[in-house]
C-alpha atoms as a PDB file:
ATOM      1  CA  MET A   1       0.032  -0.070   0.060  1.00  0.00           C
ATOM      2  CA  GLY A   2       2.777   2.391   0.814  1.00  0.00           C
ATOM      3  CA  LYS A   3       4.398   2.240  -2.769  1.00  0.00           C
ATOM      4  CA  GLU A   4       0.869   2.660  -4.313  1.00  0.00           C
ATOM      5  CA  LYS A   5       0.287   5.616  -2.226  1.00  0.00           C
ATOM      6  CA  GLU A   6       3.569   7.269  -3.039  1.00  0.00           C
ATOM      7  CA  LYS A   7       3.069   6.679  -6.828  1.00  0.00           C
ATOM      8  CA  ARG A   8      -0.595   7.873  -6.604  1.00  0.00           C
ATOM      9  CA  PHE A   9       0.378  11.173  -4.994  1.00  0.00           C
ATOM     10  CA  PHE A  10       3.982  11.396  -6.442  1.00  0.00           C
ATOM     11  CA  PHE A  11       5.673  12.847  -3.446  1.00  0.00           C
ATOM     12  CA  SER A  12       6.297  11.052  -0.149  1.00  0.00           C
ATOM     13  CA  GLU A  13       4.757  12.249   3.130  1.00  0.00           C
ATOM     14  CA  GLU A  14       8.119  13.763   4.162  1.00  0.00           C
ATOM     15  CA  GLU A  15       8.389  15.629   0.808  1.00  0.00           C
ATOM     16  CA  GLU A  16       4.814  16.857   0.874  1.00  0.00           C
ATOM     17  CA  ARG A  17       5.703  18.189   4.478  1.00  0.00           C
ATOM     18  CA  GLN A  18       8.745  19.966   3.143  1.00  0.00           C
ATOM     19  CA  ILE A  19       6.593  21.687   0.306  1.00  0.00           C
ATOM     20  CA  MET A  20       3.943  22.819   2.759  1.00  0.00           C
ATOM     21  CA  GLU A  21       6.435  24.162   4.970  1.00  0.00           C
ATOM     22  CA  SER A  22       8.005  26.057   2.130  1.00  0.00           C
ATOM     23  CA  ILE A  23       4.580  27.598   1.422  1.00  0.00           C
ATOM     24  CA  GLN A  24       3.907  28.300   4.953  1.00  0.00           C
ATOM     25  CA  ARG A  25       7.453  30.029   5.428  1.00  0.00           C
ATOM     26  CA  ALA A  26       6.791  32.031   2.198  1.00  0.00           C
ATOM     27  CA  GLU A  27       3.376  33.197   3.298  1.00  0.00           C
ATOM     28  CA  LYS A  28       4.606  34.377   6.663  1.00  0.00           C
ATOM     29  CA  ALA A  29       6.280  37.338   5.004  1.00  0.00           C
ATOM     30  CA  THR A  30       3.394  38.172   2.401  1.00  0.00           C
ATOM     31  CA  SER A  31      -0.243  38.691   2.005  1.00  0.00           C
ATOM     32  CA  GLY A  32       0.106  36.611  -1.077  1.00  0.00           C
ATOM     33  CA  GLU A  33      -1.028  32.950  -1.537  1.00  0.00           C
ATOM     34  CA  ILE A  34       0.864  30.021  -2.950  1.00  0.00           C
ATOM     35  CA  ARG A  35      -0.731  26.670  -4.084  1.00  0.00           C
ATOM     36  CA  VAL A  36       0.616  23.518  -5.475  1.00  0.00           C
ATOM     37  CA  ARG A  37      -1.502  21.342  -7.659  1.00  0.00           C
ATOM     38  CA  LEU A  38      -0.622  17.666  -8.710  1.00  0.00           C
ATOM     39  CA  GLU A  39      -2.694  15.699 -11.413  1.00  0.00           C
ATOM     40  CA  HIS A  40      -1.703  12.733 -13.257  1.00  0.00           C
ATOM     41  CA  ILE A  41      -2.554  14.238 -16.664  1.00  0.00           C
ATOM     42  CA  SER A  42      -3.609  17.580 -17.833  1.00  0.00           C
ATOM     43  CA  GLY A  43      -5.955  16.362 -20.468  1.00  0.00           C
ATOM     44  CA  GLY A  44      -4.269  18.359 -23.192  1.00  0.00           C
ATOM     45  CA  ASP A  45      -2.702  21.794 -22.873  1.00  0.00           C
ATOM     46  CA  PRO A  46      -1.156  21.969 -19.239  1.00  0.00           C
ATOM     47  CA  TYR A  47      -1.178  25.750 -19.374  1.00  0.00           C
ATOM     48  CA  LYS A  48      -4.846  25.737 -20.166  1.00  0.00           C
ATOM     49  CA  ARG A  49      -5.693  23.208 -17.432  1.00  0.00           C
ATOM     50  CA  ALA A  50      -3.596  25.264 -15.019  1.00  0.00           C
ATOM     51  CA  VAL A  51      -5.720  28.272 -15.730  1.00  0.00           C
ATOM     52  CA  GLU A  52      -8.943  26.083 -15.004  1.00  0.00           C
ATOM     53  CA  VAL A  53      -7.544  24.715 -11.920  1.00  0.00           C
ATOM     54  CA  PHE A  54      -6.449  28.114 -10.736  1.00  0.00           C
ATOM     55  CA  GLU A  55      -9.934  29.329 -10.871  1.00  0.00           C
ATOM     56  CA  LYS A  56     -11.583  26.120  -9.356  1.00  0.00           C
ATOM     57  CA  LEU A  57      -9.255  26.556  -6.421  1.00  0.00           C
ATOM     58  CA  GLY A  58     -10.461  29.908  -5.710  1.00  0.00           C
ATOM     59  CA  MET A  59      -7.259  31.493  -6.449  1.00  0.00           C
ATOM     60  CA  THR A  60      -8.877  34.548  -8.365  1.00  0.00           C
ATOM     61  CA  ALA A  61     -10.871  35.421  -5.387  1.00  0.00           C
ATOM     62  CA  THR A  62      -7.895  36.582  -3.224  1.00  0.00           C
ATOM     63  CA  GLU A  63      -8.216  40.215  -2.040  1.00  0.00           C
ATOM     64  CA  GLN A  64      -5.056  41.536  -3.871  1.00  0.00           C
ATOM     65  CA  ARG A  65      -5.175  38.997  -6.823  1.00  0.00           C
ATOM     66  CA  ASN A  66      -1.755  37.897  -5.750  1.00  0.00           C
ATOM     67  CA  GLY A  67      -1.972  34.030  -5.945  1.00  0.00           C
ATOM     68  CA  ILE A  68       0.648  31.800  -7.527  1.00  0.00           C
ATOM     69  CA  LEU A  69       0.041  28.195  -8.585  1.00  0.00           C
ATOM     70  CA  PHE A  70       2.624  25.665  -9.231  1.00  0.00           C
ATOM     71  CA  TYR A  71       0.923  22.969 -11.357  1.00  0.00           C
ATOM     72  CA  LEU A  72       2.337  19.530 -12.229  1.00  0.00           C
ATOM     73  CA  ALA A  73       0.888  16.979 -14.505  1.00  0.00           C
ATOM     74  CA  THR A  74       3.079  14.169 -13.268  1.00  0.00           C
ATOM     75  CA  ASP A  75       2.508  11.317 -15.756  1.00  0.00           C
ATOM     76  CA  GLU A  76       2.943  13.991 -18.630  1.00  0.00           C
ATOM     77  CA  HIS A  77       6.099  15.297 -17.023  1.00  0.00           C
ATOM     78  CA  GLN A  78       4.559  18.935 -17.381  1.00  0.00           C
ATOM     79  CA  PHE A  79       5.079  21.930 -15.062  1.00  0.00           C
ATOM     80  CA  THR A  80       3.293  25.383 -15.246  1.00  0.00           C
ATOM     81  CA  LEU A  81       3.612  28.230 -13.126  1.00  0.00           C
ATOM     82  CA  ILE A  82       0.696  30.918 -12.872  1.00  0.00           C
ATOM     83  CA  GLY A  83       0.413  34.091 -11.071  1.00  0.00           C
ATOM     84  CA  ASP A  84      -2.728  36.220 -10.637  1.00  0.00           C
ATOM     85  CA  LYS A  85      -3.200  39.646 -12.042  1.00  0.00           C
ATOM     86  CA  GLY A  86      -1.798  41.390  -8.883  1.00  0.00           C
ATOM     87  CA  ILE A  87       1.437  39.725  -8.724  1.00  0.00           C
ATOM     88  CA  HIS A  88       1.775  39.452 -12.625  1.00  0.00           C
ATOM     89  CA  GLU A  89       1.580  43.333 -12.828  1.00  0.00           C
ATOM     90  CA  LYS A  90       4.432  43.604 -10.308  1.00  0.00           C
ATOM     91  CA  VAL A  91       6.996  41.175 -11.910  1.00  0.00           C
ATOM     92  CA  SER A  92       8.335  40.879 -15.256  1.00  0.00           C
ATOM     93  CA  ASP A  93       8.103  38.036 -17.666  1.00  0.00           C
ATOM     94  CA  SER A  94      11.744  37.238 -16.909  1.00  0.00           C
ATOM     95  CA  PHE A  95      10.796  36.658 -13.303  1.00  0.00           C
ATOM     96  CA  TRP A  96       8.353  33.676 -14.251  1.00  0.00           C
ATOM     97  CA  ILE A  97      11.031  32.422 -16.601  1.00  0.00           C
ATOM     98  CA  SER A  98      13.730  32.226 -13.992  1.00  0.00           C
ATOM     99  CA  VAL A  99      11.484  30.672 -11.438  1.00  0.00           C
ATOM    100  CA  LYS A 100      10.330  28.111 -14.007  1.00  0.00           C
ATOM    101  CA  ASP A 101      13.927  27.465 -15.138  1.00  0.00           C
ATOM    102  CA  GLU A 102      15.091  27.094 -11.632  1.00  0.00           C
ATOM    103  CA  VAL A 103      12.326  24.554 -10.809  1.00  0.00           C
ATOM    104  CA  ILE A 104      12.817  22.587 -13.981  1.00  0.00           C
ATOM    105  CA  SER A 105      16.612  22.450 -13.395  1.00  0.00           C
ATOM    106  CA  GLU A 106      15.990  20.407 -10.159  1.00  0.00           C
ATOM    107  CA  PHE A 107      13.359  18.358 -11.776  1.00  0.00           C
ATOM    108  CA  LYS A 108      15.867  17.162 -14.431  1.00  0.00           C
ATOM    109  CA  LYS A 109      18.065  15.958 -11.497  1.00  0.00           C
ATOM    110  CA  GLY A 110      15.212  14.079 -10.047  1.00  0.00           C
ATOM    111  CA  ASN A 111      14.938  16.622  -7.167  1.00  0.00           C
ATOM    112  CA  PHE A 112      11.149  17.322  -7.446  1.00  0.00           C
ATOM    113  CA  ALA A 113      10.396  18.395  -3.954  1.00  0.00           C
ATOM    114  CA  ALA A 114      13.580  20.449  -3.892  1.00  0.00           C
ATOM    115  CA  GLY A 115      12.655  22.131  -7.064  1.00  0.00           C
ATOM    116  CA  LEU A 116       9.425  23.102  -5.868  1.00  0.00           C
ATOM    117  CA  CYS A 117      10.556  24.508  -2.594  1.00  0.00           C
ATOM    118  CA  ASN A 118      13.211  26.524  -4.254  1.00  0.00           C
ATOM    119  CA  GLY A 119      10.536  27.949  -6.655  1.00  0.00           C
ATOM    120  CA  ILE A 120       8.121  28.560  -3.777  1.00  0.00           C
ATOM    121  CA  ASP A 121      10.873  30.274  -1.867  1.00  0.00           C
ATOM    122  CA  HIS A 122      11.764  32.487  -4.944  1.00  0.00           C
ATOM    123  CA  CYS A 123       8.060  33.508  -5.431  1.00  0.00           C
ATOM    124  CA  GLY A 124       7.820  33.949  -1.610  1.00  0.00           C
ATOM    125  CA  LYS A 125      10.475  36.663  -1.849  1.00  0.00           C
ATOM    126  CA  ALA A 126       8.755  38.423  -4.791  1.00  0.00           C
ATOM    127  CA  LEU A 127       5.403  38.328  -2.974  1.00  0.00           C
ATOM    128  CA  ALA A 128       6.855  39.777   0.112  1.00  0.00           C
ATOM    129  CA  GLU A 129       8.605  42.641  -1.832  1.00  0.00           C
ATOM    130  CA  HIS A 130       5.422  43.577  -3.531  1.00  0.00           C
ATOM    131  CA  PHE A 131       2.843  42.300  -1.128  1.00  0.00           C
ATOM    132  CA  PRO A 132       4.298  42.525   2.393  1.00  0.00           C
ATOM    133  CA  TYR A 133       2.642  40.753   5.354  1.00  0.00           C
ATOM    134  CA  ARG A 134      -0.037  42.835   7.016  1.00  0.00           C
ATOM    135  CA  SER A 135      -1.091  42.611  10.614  1.00  0.00           C
ATOM    136  CA  ASP A 136      -4.579  41.770   9.523  1.00  0.00           C
ATOM    137  CA  ASP A 137      -3.745  39.353   6.918  1.00  0.00           C
ATOM    138  CA  VAL A 138      -5.745  36.101   6.786  1.00  0.00           C
ATOM    139  CA  ASN A 139      -4.519  32.906   5.174  1.00  0.00           C
ATOM    140  CA  GLU A 140      -7.069  32.950   2.313  1.00  0.00           C
ATOM    141  CA  LEU A 141      -6.229  29.505   0.701  1.00  0.00           C
ATOM    142  CA  SER A 142      -5.021  26.210   2.069  1.00  0.00           C
ATOM    143  CA  ASP A 143      -1.368  25.491   2.247  1.00  0.00           C
ATOM    144  CA  GLU A 144      -2.027  21.705   1.644  1.00  0.00           C
ATOM    145  CA  ILE A 145      -1.045  20.252  -1.831  1.00  0.00           C
ATOM    146  CA  SER A 146      -4.174  19.926  -3.958  1.00  0.00           C
ATOM    147  CA  LYS A 147      -4.457  16.541  -5.797  1.00  0.00           C
ATOM    148  CA  GLY A 148      -6.589  14.485  -8.053  1.00  0.00           C
ATOM    149  CA  ASP A 149      -9.691  15.470  -9.730  1.00  0.00           C
ATOM    150  CA  LEU A 150     -11.537  18.836  -9.509  1.00  0.00           C
END
């Protein structure tokens, strides 16, 4: 059962914990929100699917429109990164490319959790710069990894 569970959800429990801790650490310095979504397949265009997932997870409903989604279609070896309007207006296209390249560089070495954690940290710094933590900040979205069908 253990190996089936690992394959089914891609990351081990320890790796999931590390990823969630990266999200929590990043969000402590910002009003921004970061989510990770795992699916086996995108069903076509991974970017298009990530946009659908972004909306279904309620990420367009954040107050400052500053959510970021790391989307992985594990069976297809596809990765997409999406930022909502608020953060996208604050950073350049080169920012998104550098984060994606950083994550993919680790993925190519087989370091999937480390790649995500590095990307989350990078995005957390940008969010903190443009959307600093406020004393009245509320964690608007879950820090847990979203998996499976929506």
